[in-house]
Amino acid sequence: MVRAKIVSPFPKQFSDRQWARYVKQGRELVEEESSLQFRLGDLSLKMVEHHPRGGVGHGVFLVLDRFADTIGINVHTLVNYRKVAHAWPPDKRAPGTSWSVHEALAALPDRFEVILNPPEGKDRWTQDAALSRAGRLPTRPLTKDEKLDRVRTLLREDDSASEAVESLIQRPDVAHRVMSNPSNQRILYRAHHEQRQEAAAARFAAAHEPDPGDSEDNFGPDYEDDEEAGAAPREEQVRRREPAVDYQRASSEVLELIGSGTTFLVDLQRMIPGLHVSEFTEREVRAVLDNHRRIRAALDWCDSALSTGDKSMDDELARILSEGDDEP
């Protein structure tokens, strides 16, 4: 095979001859380093045989750990050298190909053939090309898919992902691009809506939790005082404090309806005292009132459906619910 001529990619700094000389020296150094890495891996295999099931058992690791400390190398680096040396017997190693490429392709079942066939248009493997061929993330992602794969890998943990998203949405340009996608809008709205529903259901459950002190045998003096004062019988008081529904057995539709209403009421109770009504324009007031008119119509529709079972919508109701704010 005719070796391609090495051409300088930086002609203003290096002539072709200068560049070729530096490349030759660099490849020789890489080959020396690769030889050393393989020799260390082979030595560890000679010290302790490779287990047929693979991996490094506790006893083997202790030996390698002590040996690595003694020669001044990280034990995990030595273990990796050992793994690659076992995957590539001496007669299967490709001369002139770096240890890093061998390491990247080590897990492929057809690695002995793959390493002899560099990517089309290339005369030798690069580490990133080998990593991509093995389905692993390249050290220097170049394509959009490679960069996205790197991000997905880094964000597999929920805590890290949430912090990263928080950082990204603080960039107005990124947040705008994300929210311009209707699919993303639906996802975020659904997540926010579900959080509000869960919070409302929890508030509803807490508000209707039976008082542990209430029992038929716990009437005592207070009950007698209530009777003398003309208060309602104790049984009626207990009955009024019982939950409207058994939230543990109620259907999701019932809880969702109650949760929606509870959320709306709680939000209004929180917002109304702090409203700066004097700062509202006439159009803004009209818009809010018109929206409330539609809400009342929807509530009446829901009440009618619950009372009669008829869930149909007449034309007038459809018009009210679909119309926008009144124009000035």
Protein backbone atom coordinates (compact mmCIF):
# COMPACT_ATOMS: atom_id res chain seq x y z
CA MET A 1 0.00 0.00 0.00
CA VAL A 2 1.35 3.37 -1.04
CA ARG A 3 1.53 5.68 1.94
CA ALA A 4 -0.11 9.03 1.28
CA LYS A 5 2.17 12.05 1.25
CA ILE A 6 1.98 14.10 4.42
CA VAL A 7 0.98 17.66 3.60
CA SER A 8 1.26 20.52 6.08
CA PRO A 9 -2.15 21.92 7.13
CA PHE A 10 -0.32 25.09 8.22
CA PRO A 11 1.78 26.07 5.21
CA LYS A 12 2.56 29.54 6.61
CA GLN A 13 4.17 27.98 9.70
CA PHE A 14 5.52 24.64 8.50
CA SER A 15 6.68 23.34 5.16
CA ASP A 16 5.55 19.87 4.14
CA ARG A 17 8.98 18.49 5.03
CA GLN A 18 9.00 20.12 8.49
CA TRP A 19 5.48 18.93 9.25
CA ALA A 20 6.25 15.39 8.08
CA ARG A 21 9.33 15.31 10.32
CA TYR A 22 7.35 16.38 13.39
CA VAL A 23 4.59 13.87 12.60
CA LYS A 24 7.14 11.09 12.26
CA GLN A 25 8.72 11.95 15.63
CA GLY A 26 5.32 12.23 17.29
CA ARG A 27 4.15 8.86 15.97
CA GLU A 28 7.33 7.22 17.20
CA LEU A 29 6.73 8.63 20.69
CA VAL A 30 3.10 7.48 20.66
CA GLU A 31 4.25 4.04 19.57
CA GLU A 32 6.75 3.95 22.44
CA GLU A 33 4.03 5.00 24.89
CA SER A 34 1.60 2.41 23.50
CA SER A 35 4.28 -0.26 23.78
CA LEU A 36 4.85 0.69 27.41
CA GLN A 37 1.10 0.59 28.20
CA PHE A 38 0.76 -2.85 26.62
CA ARG A 39 3.89 -4.09 28.42
CA LEU A 40 2.49 -2.98 31.79
CA GLY A 41 -0.81 -4.70 30.99
CA ASP A 42 1.02 -7.87 29.93
CA LEU A 43 3.08 -7.76 33.13
CA SER A 44 -0.03 -7.58 35.31
CA LEU A 45 -1.47 -10.58 33.44
CA LYS A 46 1.78 -12.45 34.03
CA MET A 47 1.66 -11.65 37.75
CA VAL A 48 -1.98 -12.73 38.19
CA GLU A 49 -3.84 -14.72 35.55
CA HIS A 50 -6.96 -13.28 33.98
CA HIS A 51 -10.09 -14.84 35.44
CA PRO A 52 -12.18 -16.70 32.82
CA ARG A 53 -15.27 -14.68 33.81
CA GLY A 54 -13.42 -11.44 33.32
CA GLY A 55 -13.17 -8.51 35.70
CA VAL A 56 -10.84 -8.04 38.64
CA GLY A 57 -11.74 -9.88 41.84
CA HIS A 58 -11.03 -8.53 45.29
CA GLY A 59 -7.89 -10.60 45.74
CA VAL A 60 -6.51 -9.64 42.32
CA PHE A 61 -7.27 -5.97 42.94
CA LEU A 62 -5.36 -6.04 46.25
CA VAL A 63 -2.27 -7.39 44.46
CA LEU A 64 -2.54 -4.85 41.65
CA ASP A 65 -3.21 -2.03 44.10
CA ARG A 66 -0.06 -2.82 46.12
CA PHE A 67 1.97 -3.23 42.93
CA ALA A 68 0.65 0.04 41.44
CA ASP A 69 1.55 1.97 44.59
CA THR A 70 5.03 0.48 44.59
CA ILE A 71 5.82 1.44 40.98
CA GLY A 72 4.07 4.83 41.24
CA ILE A 73 1.01 4.41 39.01
CA ASN A 74 -2.72 4.67 39.64
CA VAL A 75 -4.21 1.23 40.20
CA HIS A 76 -7.23 1.94 37.98
CA THR A 77 -4.90 2.94 35.15
CA LEU A 78 -3.03 -0.35 35.60
CA VAL A 79 -6.32 -2.30 35.65
CA ASN A 80 -7.29 -0.63 32.37
CA TYR A 81 -3.93 -1.53 30.82
CA ARG A 82 -4.53 -5.11 31.93
CA LYS A 83 -8.02 -5.22 30.42
CA VAL A 84 -6.83 -3.89 27.05
CA ALA A 85 -3.80 -6.18 26.97
CA HIS A 86 -6.06 -9.18 27.52
CA ALA A 87 -8.47 -8.03 24.79
CA TRP A 88 -5.56 -7.67 22.34
CA PRO A 89 -3.13 -10.62 22.40
CA PRO A 90 0.32 -9.56 21.11
CA ASP A 91 -0.20 -11.17 17.69
CA LYS A 92 -3.46 -9.26 17.17
CA ARG A 93 -2.19 -5.77 17.96
CA ALA A 94 -1.96 -3.38 15.01
CA PRO A 95 1.56 -1.93 14.58
CA GLY A 96 1.58 1.84 14.29
CA THR A 97 -1.85 2.13 15.89
CA SER A 98 -2.01 3.80 19.27
CA TRP A 99 -2.96 2.07 22.51
CA SER A 100 -5.88 4.56 22.80
CA VAL A 101 -7.40 3.21 19.58
CA HIS A 102 -6.95 -0.37 20.81
CA GLU A 103 -8.64 0.62 24.08
CA ALA A 104 -11.58 2.25 22.25
CA LEU A 105 -12.21 -0.85 20.12
CA ALA A 106 -11.47 -3.43 22.84
CA ALA A 107 -15.12 -4.37 23.50
CA LEU A 108 -16.02 -5.08 19.85
CA PRO A 109 -16.38 -8.78 19.02
CA ASP A 110 -14.93 -8.17 15.53
CA ARG A 111 -12.17 -5.82 16.74
CA PHE A 112 -9.37 -7.79 15.07
CA GLU A 113 -10.88 -7.08 11.63
CA VAL A 114 -12.15 -3.57 12.43
CA ILE A 115 -8.76 -2.21 13.47
CA LEU A 116 -7.30 -3.20 10.10
CA ASN A 117 -9.93 -1.16 8.23
CA PRO A 118 -9.82 2.55 9.13
CA PRO A 119 -12.81 4.75 8.24
CA GLU A 120 -13.30 5.46 4.56
CA GLY A 121 -10.94 8.13 3.29
CA LYS A 122 -8.56 7.77 6.27
CA ASP A 123 -5.22 5.95 6.30
CA ARG A 124 -5.36 5.27 10.06
CA TRP A 125 -7.73 5.27 13.02
CA THR A 126 -8.11 8.25 15.33
CA GLN A 127 -9.24 7.80 18.92
CA ASP A 128 -12.53 9.68 18.34
CA ALA A 129 -13.27 7.66 15.20
CA ALA A 130 -12.63 4.45 17.14
CA LEU A 131 -14.86 5.57 20.02
CA SER A 132 -17.66 6.41 17.60
CA ARG A 133 -17.23 3.03 15.84
CA ALA A 134 -17.62 1.33 19.23
CA GLY A 135 -20.75 3.31 20.03
CA ARG A 136 -19.03 5.38 22.71
CA LEU A 137 -18.90 9.14 23.12
CA PRO A 138 -15.91 10.74 21.40
CA THR A 139 -13.56 12.79 23.56
CA ARG A 140 -14.17 15.74 21.25
CA PRO A 141 -17.77 15.70 19.98
CA LEU A 142 -18.00 17.44 16.62
CA THR A 143 -21.40 16.68 15.12
CA LYS A 144 -24.68 17.87 16.62
CA ASP A 145 -25.69 14.30 17.50
CA GLU A 146 -22.36 13.66 19.25
CA LYS A 147 -22.74 16.83 21.30
CA LEU A 148 -26.32 15.95 22.25
CA ASP A 149 -25.23 12.43 23.22
CA ARG A 150 -22.58 13.93 25.50
CA VAL A 151 -25.18 16.18 27.15
CA ARG A 152 -27.64 13.30 27.60
CA THR A 153 -24.93 11.19 29.21
CA LEU A 154 -23.94 13.95 31.59
CA LEU A 155 -27.56 14.63 32.56
CA ARG A 156 -28.66 11.10 33.43
CA GLU A 157 -28.94 12.01 37.12
CA ASP A 158 -32.13 13.92 37.96
CA ASP A 159 -30.43 16.38 40.32
CA SER A 160 -27.76 17.32 37.79
CA ALA A 161 -30.34 17.57 35.01
CA SER A 162 -32.62 19.90 36.99
CA GLU A 163 -29.72 22.20 37.91
CA ALA A 164 -28.53 22.29 34.31
CA VAL A 165 -32.01 23.14 33.02
CA GLU A 166 -32.32 25.91 35.61
CA SER A 167 -29.04 27.37 34.40
CA LEU A 168 -30.06 27.16 30.75
CA ILE A 169 -33.48 28.78 31.12
CA GLN A 170 -31.83 31.76 32.78
CA ARG A 171 -30.49 32.56 29.32
CA PRO A 172 -33.37 34.46 27.65
CA ASP A 173 -32.38 33.39 24.13
CA VAL A 174 -32.33 29.70 25.10
CA ALA A 175 -35.58 29.91 27.08
CA HIS A 176 -37.30 31.65 24.16
CA ARG A 177 -36.20 28.98 21.67
CA VAL A 178 -37.28 26.17 23.99
CA MET A 179 -40.70 27.69 24.70
CA SER A 180 -41.33 28.49 21.02
CA ASN A 181 -41.78 24.75 20.48
CA PRO A 182 -45.46 23.85 21.15
CA SER A 183 -44.45 20.36 22.26
CA ASN A 184 -42.21 21.80 24.98
CA GLN A 185 -44.99 24.15 26.04
CA ARG A 186 -47.37 21.22 26.52
CA ILE A 187 -44.76 19.23 28.49
CA LEU A 188 -44.00 22.11 30.85
CA TYR A 189 -47.66 23.03 31.27
CA ARG A 190 -48.60 19.43 32.04
CA ALA A 191 -45.78 19.11 34.60
CA HIS A 192 -46.78 22.39 36.25
CA HIS A 193 -50.46 21.43 36.20
CA GLU A 194 -49.73 18.04 37.78
CA GLN A 195 -47.70 19.70 40.53
CA ARG A 196 -50.57 22.07 41.29
CA GLN A 197 -53.05 19.19 41.31
CA GLU A 198 -50.90 17.17 43.69
CA ALA A 199 -50.47 20.15 46.00
CA ALA A 200 -54.22 20.84 45.94
CA ALA A 201 -55.05 17.19 46.64
CA ALA A 202 -52.64 17.23 49.58
CA ARG A 203 -54.23 20.38 50.97
CA PHE A 204 -57.69 18.88 50.52
CA ALA A 205 -56.67 15.67 52.28
CA ALA A 206 -55.06 17.57 55.16
CA ALA A 207 -58.09 19.81 55.58
CA HIS A 208 -60.43 16.83 55.80
CA GLU A 209 -58.26 14.55 57.92
CA PRO A 210 -60.36 13.26 60.85
CA ASP A 211 -59.36 14.58 64.27
CA PRO A 212 -57.88 11.67 66.28
CA GLY A 213 -59.56 13.09 69.40
CA ASP A 214 -63.01 12.72 67.86
CA SER A 215 -64.78 9.46 68.80
CA GLU A 216 -68.14 8.33 69.95
CA ASP A 217 -66.73 7.69 73.46
CA ASN A 218 -65.04 11.07 73.78
CA PHE A 219 -67.93 13.40 74.39
CA GLY A 220 -67.15 14.46 77.99
CA PRO A 221 -68.00 17.84 79.54
CA ASP A 222 -67.71 19.81 76.32
CA TYR A 223 -70.52 17.80 74.80
CA GLU A 224 -72.74 18.48 77.81
CA ASP A 225 -71.96 22.20 77.63
CA ASP A 226 -72.85 22.26 73.95
CA GLU A 227 -76.17 20.56 74.68
CA GLU A 228 -76.97 23.09 77.39
CA ALA A 229 -76.07 25.99 75.11
CA GLY A 230 -78.39 24.70 72.44
CA ALA A 231 -75.57 23.65 70.12
CA ALA A 232 -76.08 20.90 67.56
CA PRO A 233 -75.75 17.33 68.87
CA ARG A 234 -72.23 15.95 68.93
CA GLU A 235 -73.02 13.34 66.27
CA GLU A 236 -73.96 16.11 63.83
CA GLN A 237 -70.74 18.02 64.55
CA VAL A 238 -68.66 14.91 63.88
CA ARG A 239 -70.62 14.22 60.72
CA ARG A 240 -69.95 17.71 59.41
CA ARG A 241 -66.20 17.27 59.95
CA GLU A 242 -66.04 13.98 58.07
CA PRO A 243 -64.32 14.17 54.68
CA ALA A 244 -66.64 14.92 51.78
CA VAL A 245 -65.08 11.97 49.94
CA ASP A 246 -62.68 9.20 50.83
CA TYR A 247 -59.71 10.59 48.94
CA GLN A 248 -57.93 7.23 49.14
CA ARG A 249 -60.75 5.49 47.28
CA ALA A 250 -62.16 8.29 45.13
CA SER A 251 -61.53 8.15 41.40
CA SER A 252 -58.83 10.29 39.82
CA GLU A 253 -61.57 12.31 38.05
CA VAL A 254 -63.22 13.23 41.35
CA LEU A 255 -59.90 14.21 42.92
CA GLU A 256 -58.95 16.19 39.83
CA LEU A 257 -62.20 18.15 39.90
CA ILE A 258 -61.85 18.89 43.60
CA GLY A 259 -58.17 19.67 43.17
CA SER A 260 -58.80 22.11 40.33
CA GLY A 261 -61.40 23.97 42.35
CA THR A 262 -59.24 23.99 45.47
CA THR A 263 -56.26 25.31 43.53
CA PHE A 264 -58.37 28.09 42.05
CA LEU A 265 -59.77 29.08 45.45
CA VAL A 266 -56.38 29.01 47.16
CA ASP A 267 -54.81 31.09 44.38
CA LEU A 268 -57.55 33.69 44.63
CA GLN A 269 -57.27 33.86 48.42
CA ARG A 270 -53.55 34.44 48.02
CA MET A 271 -53.78 36.99 45.22
CA ILE A 272 -56.80 39.17 46.04
CA PRO A 273 -55.46 40.81 49.23
CA GLY A 274 -52.36 41.94 47.36
CA LEU A 275 -54.04 43.23 44.20
CA HIS A 276 -53.14 46.77 43.10
CA VAL A 277 -56.57 47.38 41.62
CA SER A 278 -56.02 51.11 41.29
CA GLU A 279 -53.25 50.41 38.76
CA PHE A 280 -55.48 48.32 36.47
CA THR A 281 -56.62 49.89 33.23
CA GLU A 282 -60.28 49.69 32.22
CA ARG A 283 -59.44 47.19 29.52
CA GLU A 284 -57.54 44.98 31.98
CA VAL A 285 -60.48 45.02 34.43
CA ARG A 286 -62.87 44.16 31.62
CA ALA A 287 -60.61 41.32 30.49
CA VAL A 288 -60.52 39.79 34.00
CA LEU A 289 -64.29 40.16 34.46
CA ASP A 290 -64.93 38.63 31.05
CA ASN A 291 -62.68 35.70 31.92
CA HIS A 292 -64.58 35.22 35.19
CA ARG A 293 -67.84 35.20 33.22
CA ARG A 294 -66.50 32.28 31.19
CA ILE A 295 -65.37 30.53 34.37
CA ARG A 296 -68.86 30.87 35.87
CA ALA A 297 -70.37 29.46 32.70
CA ALA A 298 -67.97 26.49 32.84
CA LEU A 299 -68.83 25.92 36.52
CA ASP A 300 -72.55 25.98 35.73
CA TRP A 301 -71.95 23.45 32.95
CA CYS A 302 -69.99 21.20 35.33
CA ASP A 303 -72.70 21.47 38.01
CA SER A 304 -75.37 20.59 35.46
CA ALA A 305 -73.37 17.57 34.24
CA LEU A 306 -72.90 16.35 37.82
CA SER A 307 -76.59 16.80 38.66
CA THR A 308 -78.18 15.44 35.50
CA GLY A 309 -75.48 13.36 33.82
CA ASP A 310 -75.95 15.40 30.63
CA LYS A 311 -72.49 16.54 29.50
CA SER A 312 -73.57 18.12 26.21
CA MET A 313 -72.73 21.73 25.44
CA ASP A 314 -75.24 24.05 23.79
CA ASP A 315 -74.27 26.65 21.19
CA GLU A 316 -74.49 29.59 23.58
CA LEU A 317 -72.18 27.94 26.10
CA ALA A 318 -69.73 27.00 23.33
CA ARG A 319 -69.71 30.63 22.17
CA ILE A 320 -69.08 31.95 25.70
CA LEU A 321 -66.25 29.52 26.39
CA SER A 322 -64.50 30.09 23.06
CA GLU A 323 -64.77 33.86 22.67
CA GLY A 324 -61.82 36.11 23.45
CA ASP A 325 -61.59 39.30 25.45
CA ASP A 326 -63.93 42.09 24.46
CA GLU A 327 -62.39 44.72 22.22
CA PRO A 328 -62.41 48.33 23.45
